[in-house]
Protein backbone atom coordinates (compact mmCIF):
# COMPACT_ATOMS: atom_id res chain seq x y z
CA MET A 1 -20.92 -12.06 -18.43
CA ALA A 2 -19.55 -15.41 -17.49
CA TYR A 3 -21.82 -15.65 -14.46
CA THR A 4 -25.63 -15.46 -14.44
CA HIS A 5 -27.91 -15.30 -11.41
CA LYS A 6 -31.64 -16.04 -11.79
CA THR A 7 -34.59 -15.91 -9.46
CA THR A 8 -38.33 -16.09 -9.73
CA LYS A 9 -40.20 -12.80 -9.68
CA GLY A 10 -42.44 -12.13 -6.69
CA ALA A 11 -46.04 -11.12 -7.24
CA SER A 12 -46.84 -7.44 -6.90
CA LEU A 13 -48.13 -6.69 -3.44
CA LYS A 14 -49.90 -3.80 -1.81
CA LYS A 15 -48.27 -1.81 0.96
CA GLY A 16 -48.30 -3.72 4.23
CA GLU A 17 -48.41 -7.16 2.61
CA ILE A 18 -45.59 -9.66 2.95
CA SER A 19 -43.00 -10.30 0.23
CA HIS A 20 -40.82 -13.41 -0.08
CA PHE A 21 -37.17 -13.31 -1.10
CA TYR A 22 -35.63 -16.79 -1.42
CA GLY A 23 -37.84 -17.96 1.43
CA LEU A 24 -37.10 -14.94 3.65
CA ILE A 25 -40.26 -13.21 4.87
CA VAL A 26 -39.97 -9.46 4.44
CA PRO A 27 -42.63 -7.18 5.99
CA LYS A 28 -42.80 -4.47 3.35
CA SER A 29 -44.10 -1.76 5.64
CA LYS A 30 -41.00 -2.14 7.82
CA TYR A 31 -38.30 -2.17 5.16
CA ILE A 32 -39.44 0.45 2.65
CA PHE A 33 -37.07 3.41 2.86
CA ASN A 34 -37.89 6.52 0.84
CA ALA A 35 -34.21 7.47 0.64
CA GLN A 36 -33.33 4.19 -1.05
CA LYS A 37 -36.23 4.54 -3.47
CA SER A 38 -34.87 7.83 -4.73
CA ASN A 39 -31.16 7.00 -4.72
CA PRO A 40 -29.63 6.74 -8.22
CA MET A 41 -27.89 3.55 -9.31
CA LYS A 42 -24.35 3.03 -8.02
CA HIS A 43 -21.86 2.06 -10.73
CA VAL A 44 -19.60 -0.76 -9.51
CA SER A 45 -16.44 -1.88 -11.31
CA ILE A 46 -15.27 -5.35 -10.26
CA LEU A 47 -11.77 -5.59 -11.66
CA VAL A 48 -10.74 -8.84 -13.32
CA PRO A 49 -6.97 -9.19 -12.91
CA LYS A 50 -4.70 -10.94 -15.36
CA GLY A 51 -2.71 -13.94 -14.23
CA ASN A 52 -3.28 -15.66 -10.91
CA ALA A 53 -6.46 -13.99 -9.67
CA ILE A 54 -8.73 -15.68 -7.12
CA LEU A 55 -11.96 -16.56 -8.93
CA SER A 56 -14.14 -16.52 -5.80
CA SER A 57 -13.25 -12.89 -5.08
CA VAL A 58 -14.60 -11.93 -8.51
CA VAL A 59 -17.72 -14.10 -8.50
CA GLY A 60 -18.49 -13.62 -4.78
CA PRO A 61 -18.96 -9.83 -4.84
CA PHE A 62 -20.88 -10.14 -8.13
CA LYS A 63 -23.32 -12.61 -6.52
CA VAL A 64 -23.73 -10.54 -3.35
CA LEU A 65 -24.51 -7.31 -5.20
CA LYS A 66 -26.88 -9.12 -7.62
CA ALA A 67 -28.71 -10.58 -4.63
CA VAL A 68 -29.00 -7.14 -3.05
CA ASN A 69 -30.54 -5.79 -6.25
CA GLN A 70 -33.09 -8.62 -6.32
CA PHE A 71 -33.88 -8.20 -2.62
CA LEU A 72 -34.47 -4.45 -2.95
CA ILE A 73 -36.82 -4.93 -5.90
CA GLN A 74 -38.74 -7.93 -4.59
CA SER A 75 -39.21 -6.43 -1.13
CA GLY A 76 -40.54 -3.21 -2.64
CA ILE A 77 -37.71 -0.99 -1.42
CA ARG A 78 -36.80 -0.03 -4.99
CA GLN A 79 -38.41 -0.36 -8.38
CA ASN A 80 -35.07 -0.87 -10.11
CA ALA A 81 -31.61 -2.21 -9.30
CA TYR A 82 -29.36 -0.19 -7.01
CA TYR A 83 -26.03 -1.58 -8.22
CA ASP A 84 -24.97 -1.29 -11.86
CA ILE A 85 -22.35 -4.05 -11.84
CA HIS A 86 -19.56 -4.39 -14.40
CA LEU A 87 -16.70 -6.85 -14.77
CA VAL A 88 -13.80 -4.69 -15.92
CA GLY A 89 -10.57 -6.12 -17.30
CA ILE A 90 -7.41 -5.03 -19.03
CA GLU A 91 -8.57 -7.37 -21.79
CA ASN A 92 -12.00 -8.78 -22.62
CA ASP A 93 -11.20 -12.32 -21.51
CA SER A 94 -9.18 -13.63 -18.60
CA SER A 95 -8.08 -17.22 -18.05
CA LEU A 96 -7.62 -18.42 -14.47
CA TYR A 97 -6.15 -21.47 -12.76
CA ASP A 98 -4.11 -22.59 -15.78
CA GLY A 99 -7.10 -22.41 -18.10
CA ALA A 100 -9.54 -24.27 -15.86
CA PHE A 101 -11.78 -21.19 -15.66
CA SER A 102 -12.31 -18.13 -17.80
CA ILE A 103 -14.11 -14.84 -17.24
CA HIS A 104 -15.59 -12.72 -20.00
CA CYS A 105 -15.49 -9.04 -19.02
CA ASP A 106 -18.32 -6.83 -20.22
CA SER A 107 -15.93 -3.84 -20.22
CA VAL A 108 -12.27 -2.99 -20.53
CA LEU A 109 -10.67 -0.05 -18.75
CA ALA A 110 -11.18 2.39 -21.62
CA ASP A 111 -14.93 1.65 -21.68
CA ILE A 112 -15.55 2.96 -18.16
CA LYS A 113 -15.77 6.74 -18.05
CA LYS A 114 -17.14 7.11 -14.51
CA THR A 115 -17.55 4.68 -11.65
CA ASP A 116 -18.59 4.98 -8.01
CA LEU A 117 -17.00 1.90 -6.46
CA ILE A 118 -13.96 -0.12 -7.56
CA LEU A 119 -13.49 -3.64 -6.16
CA ILE A 120 -10.01 -5.16 -6.42
CA PRO A 121 -10.11 -8.98 -6.18
CA ALA A 122 -7.41 -11.09 -4.60
CA LEU A 123 -4.28 -12.26 -6.39
CA ARG A 124 -2.81 -15.68 -5.75
CA PRO A 125 0.57 -15.65 -3.97
CA ASP A 126 2.24 -17.99 -6.50
CA ASP A 127 3.99 -15.26 -8.49
CA LEU A 128 2.89 -12.03 -6.87
CA GLU A 129 5.50 -9.63 -8.24
CA SER A 130 4.94 -10.82 -11.82
CA ASP A 131 1.17 -10.49 -11.42
CA LEU A 132 1.55 -6.96 -10.07
CA ARG A 133 3.45 -6.04 -13.24
CA LYS A 134 0.80 -7.66 -15.45
CA ASN A 135 -1.92 -5.69 -13.69
CA SER A 136 -0.10 -2.36 -13.50
CA PRO A 137 -2.55 -0.71 -15.98
CA PHE A 138 -5.16 -0.81 -13.22
CA VAL A 139 -3.10 1.59 -11.07
CA PRO A 140 -3.36 4.82 -13.13
CA TRP A 141 -6.97 3.95 -13.99
CA ILE A 142 -7.90 3.69 -10.30
CA LEU A 143 -6.10 6.95 -9.54
CA GLU A 144 -7.90 8.73 -12.37
CA LYS A 145 -11.35 7.59 -11.21
CA ARG A 146 -10.48 8.51 -7.63
CA ALA A 147 -9.24 11.99 -8.60
CA LYS A 148 -11.99 12.86 -11.09
CA TYR A 149 -15.05 11.26 -9.53
CA ASN A 150 -13.98 10.47 -5.94
CA ALA A 151 -14.59 6.78 -6.63
CA GLU A 152 -14.37 4.59 -3.57
CA VAL A 153 -11.90 1.72 -3.72
CA ALA A 154 -11.97 -1.63 -1.90
CA SER A 155 -9.38 -4.41 -1.97
CA MET A 156 -9.85 -8.05 -1.06
CA CYS A 157 -7.18 -10.26 0.50
CA LEU A 158 -3.94 -9.94 -1.52
CA GLY A 159 -5.66 -7.43 -3.77
CA ALA A 160 -4.29 -5.03 -1.13
CA PHE A 161 -0.98 -5.17 -3.01
CA VAL A 162 -2.63 -3.60 -6.07
CA LEU A 163 -4.30 -1.02 -3.84
CA ALA A 164 -0.96 -0.20 -2.20
CA GLN A 165 0.62 0.29 -5.63
CA THR A 166 -1.68 3.29 -6.08
CA GLY A 167 -0.37 5.05 -2.97
CA LEU A 168 -3.94 5.63 -1.80
CA VAL A 169 -3.31 3.81 1.48
CA ASP A 170 -0.03 5.52 2.35
CA GLY A 171 -0.50 6.66 5.94
CA LYS A 172 -3.80 4.79 6.14
CA THR A 173 -4.83 1.47 7.65
CA CYS A 174 -4.99 -1.57 5.40
CA ALA A 175 -5.67 -5.28 5.88
CA THR A 176 -4.59 -8.28 3.83
CA HIS A 177 -4.07 -12.03 4.18
CA TRP A 178 -1.91 -12.89 7.18
CA ALA A 179 0.38 -14.97 4.95
CA GLY A 180 1.30 -11.90 2.90
CA MET A 181 1.85 -9.43 5.72
CA GLU A 182 5.62 -9.60 6.00
CA ILE A 183 6.32 -9.04 2.32
CA PHE A 184 3.64 -6.32 2.29
CA LYS A 185 5.44 -4.49 5.11
CA LYS A 186 8.70 -4.62 3.17
CA MET A 187 7.17 -3.44 -0.10
CA TYR A 188 4.91 -0.74 1.33
CA PRO A 189 6.42 0.64 4.56
CA MET A 190 4.27 3.80 4.35
CA VAL A 191 1.06 1.80 4.82
CA ASN A 192 -0.30 1.15 8.31
CA LEU A 193 -0.85 -2.58 7.91
CA VAL A 194 -3.16 -4.01 10.59
CA SER A 195 -2.87 -7.72 11.28
CA ASN A 196 -6.08 -8.29 13.19
CA LYS A 197 -8.74 -6.44 11.19
CA VAL A 198 -11.17 -8.23 8.90
CA VAL A 199 -12.35 -4.96 7.33
CA THR A 200 -10.80 -1.47 7.28
CA GLU A 201 -12.35 1.78 6.11
CA GLU A 202 -10.73 5.19 5.84
CA ASP A 203 -11.72 8.10 3.58
CA GLY A 204 -13.60 5.90 1.12
CA ILE A 205 -10.79 3.34 0.91
CA TYR A 206 -11.62 -0.17 2.13
CA SER A 207 -9.72 -3.43 2.53
CA SER A 208 -10.43 -6.91 3.84
CA GLY A 209 -8.35 -9.60 5.48
CA GLY A 210 -7.51 -13.00 4.06
CA ALA A 211 -9.44 -15.35 1.79
CA TYR A 212 -13.22 -15.31 2.33
CA SER A 213 -13.05 -12.23 4.53
CA PHE A 214 -14.15 -10.41 1.38
CA LEU A 215 -17.68 -11.56 2.24
CA ASN A 216 -17.51 -9.50 5.44
CA LEU A 217 -16.28 -6.56 3.37
CA MET A 218 -19.29 -6.94 1.08
CA LEU A 219 -21.64 -6.97 4.09
CA HIS A 220 -19.90 -3.84 5.36
CA LEU A 221 -20.49 -2.07 2.03
CA VAL A 222 -24.09 -3.27 1.79
CA GLU A 223 -24.79 -1.99 5.30
CA LYS A 224 -23.22 1.37 4.44
CA TYR A 225 -25.10 1.85 1.17
CA ASN A 226 -28.37 0.01 1.85
CA GLY A 227 -28.77 -0.12 5.61
CA ARG A 228 -28.31 -2.74 8.31
CA ALA A 229 -31.64 -4.46 7.71
CA VAL A 230 -30.67 -5.28 4.13
CA ALA A 231 -27.19 -6.38 5.21
CA ILE A 232 -28.67 -8.72 7.83
CA TYR A 233 -30.95 -10.35 5.25
CA ILE A 234 -28.04 -10.82 2.86
CA SER A 235 -25.90 -12.30 5.66
CA LYS A 236 -28.64 -14.81 6.39
CA PHE A 237 -29.14 -15.71 2.74
CA PHE A 238 -25.43 -16.33 2.14
CA GLU A 239 -24.86 -17.60 5.71
CA ILE A 240 -22.10 -15.10 6.42
CA GLU A 241 -21.19 -14.44 10.04
CA PHE A 242 -22.19 -10.84 10.74
CA ASP A 243 -19.87 -8.31 12.44
CA ARG A 244 -16.78 -10.58 12.39
CA ASP A 245 -13.97 -8.11 13.04
CA ASN A 246 -10.83 -10.09 13.94
CA GLN A 247 -8.82 -12.55 11.83
CA ASN A 248 -5.93 -13.20 14.21
CA GLN A 249 -7.23 -16.62 15.29
CA PHE A 250 -6.59 -17.87 11.73
CA ALA A 251 -3.01 -16.60 11.45
CA ILE A 252 -0.09 -19.01 11.60
CA PHE A 253 3.20 -17.47 12.67
CA GLN A 254 5.98 -19.13 10.70
CA GLY A 255 8.95 -16.99 11.69
CA GLN A 256 10.34 -14.60 9.09
CA LYS A 257 13.61 -16.14 7.97
CA ASP A 258 13.58 -14.88 4.40
CA HIS A 259 16.49 -12.52 4.98
CA GLN A 260 20.29 -12.53 4.72
CA ASP A 261 21.31 -11.67 8.29
CA GLU A 262 22.82 -14.95 9.47
CA VAL A 263 23.37 -13.78 13.05
CA ILE A 264 19.71 -12.83 13.40
CA LYS A 265 18.74 -16.25 12.00
CA GLN A 266 20.81 -17.80 14.81
CA VAL A 267 18.95 -15.61 17.31
CA GLN A 268 15.61 -16.76 15.89
CA GLN A 269 16.65 -20.40 16.20
CA TYR A 270 17.77 -19.78 19.78
CA ILE A 271 14.40 -18.25 20.68
CA GLU A 272 12.49 -21.11 19.04
CA GLY A 273 14.65 -23.69 20.82
CA ASN A 274 14.14 -22.20 24.28
CA LEU A 275 10.39 -21.79 24.53
CA SER A 276 10.15 -22.66 28.21
CA ARG A 277 12.76 -20.09 29.26
CA LYS A 278 12.13 -16.44 30.05
CA ILE A 279 14.27 -14.60 27.50
CA SER A 280 15.02 -10.88 27.62
CA VAL A 281 16.24 -8.62 24.82
CA GLU A 282 19.32 -7.73 26.88
CA GLN A 283 20.15 -11.43 27.32
CA LEU A 284 19.94 -12.05 23.58
CA ALA A 285 22.12 -9.04 22.78
CA ASP A 286 24.75 -10.19 25.29
CA THR A 287 24.63 -13.82 24.12
CA PHE A 288 25.30 -12.82 20.51
CA ALA A 289 27.74 -10.01 21.39
CA ILE A 290 25.78 -7.16 19.82
CA SER A 291 24.95 -3.84 21.44
CA ARG A 292 21.31 -3.66 22.48
CA ARG A 293 20.52 -0.74 20.19
CA ASN A 294 22.18 -2.32 17.16
CA PHE A 295 20.60 -5.70 17.94
CA VAL A 296 17.06 -4.28 18.06
CA ARG A 297 17.64 -2.36 14.81
CA ARG A 298 19.03 -5.39 12.94
CA PHE A 299 16.35 -7.73 14.26
CA LYS A 300 13.51 -5.39 13.26
CA LYS A 301 15.03 -4.84 9.80
CA ALA A 302 15.39 -8.59 9.18
CA THR A 303 12.12 -9.90 10.62
CA GLN A 304 9.73 -6.89 10.61
CA ASN A 305 9.25 -7.56 14.35
CA THR A 306 10.99 -6.24 17.43
CA PRO A 307 12.82 -8.96 19.41
CA LEU A 308 10.13 -8.81 22.12
CA GLU A 309 7.33 -9.19 19.57
CA TYR A 310 9.11 -12.14 18.00
CA ILE A 311 9.60 -13.87 21.37
CA GLN A 312 5.94 -13.39 22.22
CA ARG A 313 4.68 -14.56 18.82
CA VAL A 314 6.84 -17.71 18.85
CA LYS A 315 5.63 -18.61 22.34
CA ILE A 316 1.96 -17.93 21.51
CA GLU A 317 2.17 -19.98 18.31
CA ALA A 318 3.57 -22.90 20.31
CA ALA A 319 0.76 -22.47 22.85
CA LYS A 320 -1.84 -22.52 20.06
CA ARG A 321 -0.47 -25.82 18.75
CA SER A 322 -0.62 -27.34 22.21
CA PHE A 323 -4.22 -26.20 22.66
CA GLU A 324 -5.13 -27.70 19.28
CA ALA A 325 -3.43 -31.07 19.67
CA THR A 326 -3.12 -31.95 23.37
CA GLN A 327 -5.29 -32.24 26.47
CA GLN A 328 -3.03 -30.00 28.56
CA ASN A 329 -4.89 -27.36 30.50
CA VAL A 330 -4.21 -23.65 30.22
CA ASN A 331 -1.77 -23.50 33.13
CA GLU A 332 0.27 -26.43 31.82
CA VAL A 333 0.59 -24.82 28.40
CA MET A 334 1.39 -21.46 29.97
CA TYR A 335 4.31 -22.91 31.94
CA GLN A 336 5.45 -24.91 28.92
CA VAL A 337 5.97 -21.73 26.87
CA GLY A 338 7.73 -19.82 29.65
CA TYR A 339 5.00 -17.75 31.30
CA LEU A 340 4.34 -17.75 35.03
CA ASP A 341 1.74 -14.99 35.32
CA GLN A 342 -1.79 -15.99 34.26
CA LYS A 343 -2.97 -12.45 33.54
CA ALA A 344 0.09 -11.60 31.44
CA PHE A 345 -0.22 -14.82 29.43
CA ARG A 346 -3.93 -14.28 28.82
CA ASN A 347 -3.43 -10.68 27.72
CA ILE A 348 -0.57 -11.50 25.33
CA PHE A 349 -2.44 -14.51 23.93
CA LYS A 350 -5.54 -12.42 23.27
CA LYS A 351 -3.43 -9.63 21.74
CA TYR A 352 -2.08 -11.94 19.02
CA VAL A 353 -4.98 -14.40 18.65
CA GLY A 354 -8.09 -12.35 19.34
CA LEU A 355 -9.45 -15.04 21.67
CA SER A 356 -8.66 -16.02 25.25
CA PRO A 357 -6.61 -19.22 25.73
CA LEU A 358 -9.65 -21.17 26.94
CA ALA A 359 -11.87 -19.88 24.13
CA TYR A 360 -9.23 -20.87 21.57
CA LYS A 361 -8.85 -24.37 23.05
CA SER A 362 -12.62 -24.84 23.16
CA LYS A 363 -12.95 -23.80 19.53
CA TYR A 364 -10.09 -25.76 17.98
CA ASN A 365 -9.74 -28.84 20.19
CA ARG A 366 -12.80 -31.11 19.97
CA LYS A 367 -11.80 -33.00 23.08
CA ALA A 368 -11.25 -29.88 25.17
CA VAL A 369 -12.40 -30.32 28.76
CA ASN A 370 -15.01 -28.01 30.17
CA TYR A 371 -13.82 -27.52 33.73
CA GLN A 372 -10.88 -25.18 33.14
CA ARG A 373 -11.80 -22.19 35.31
CA PRO A 374 -13.84 -20.26 32.71
CA ALA A 375 -14.20 -17.24 35.02
CA ALA A 376 -10.43 -16.72 35.15
CA TRP A 377 -9.78 -17.20 31.45
């Protein structure tokens, strides 16, 4: 393998003594679980995509699962490794980032007869459709392992596109990077794409949100297979925030204008240019001389949002920028983006951001004042 992970071996201890794992003190009598001792090894296939794969989403899961193996052995929970980890590629070697990095796979698809868990790393967005074609051999392979052995499948970030190609998430929930959501909706309308979730799980199919959210997915899997105590230790070792479940605060709404409906583009510009006004769907339809029903249909087809959703998201994105960059208080920002009701503004803000207005300002504006009515917000 291209990546190696070494640690010193702990001395053998009697039951009840204390074991050390990378400086973590582990009371053996508390964390020995008979079920884990008897569980067979779990075969894990970390796929290594061709083209523009994200290196960290290959190496990261490898490191986490290796660390779990070492923890289980050194703490006395198991005598051998729990995860049998393999880097599986279409070819033996993959070159990433224009040759800056390379990964040597220990297996190619034909070498793996049976596997328990398939991890699909993220693809870079540079040339997504081309990369999906290059990695199409993974699709029938995943489906075969799922059908024959009920293998579980987990995607990371934009790896959700490969997962969606299999059809395994049709009618199921799925997460991906917020920047890829609109094109995902267009390509895979049968999938229930969730914008806020960091991790999804349904019928042995998992997905994670954007970028390093895959670390939260790995904690989720470790907790499921090895228990919460092990997952907590791993979260502390890798310094991963535990139980993070919402990624909306990281999303940046850019307005979906990658379509050919020029009238709808004019509507979008009108909305974005009138942030302080209260705009209704009926008003927009009348202004642009389109029947309400036809207007809503065309707008949703072009932008993947209803007109009301688009109005709300544009206003909330503007509010976020004000909270980040100015010293305006919550009420001032609320009025600036066309809201008069504090409760309505707070609820809509939290719906799209996952945080209250005051919590968002406190987190992203270093100079945020502390006297802004915390009980109300």
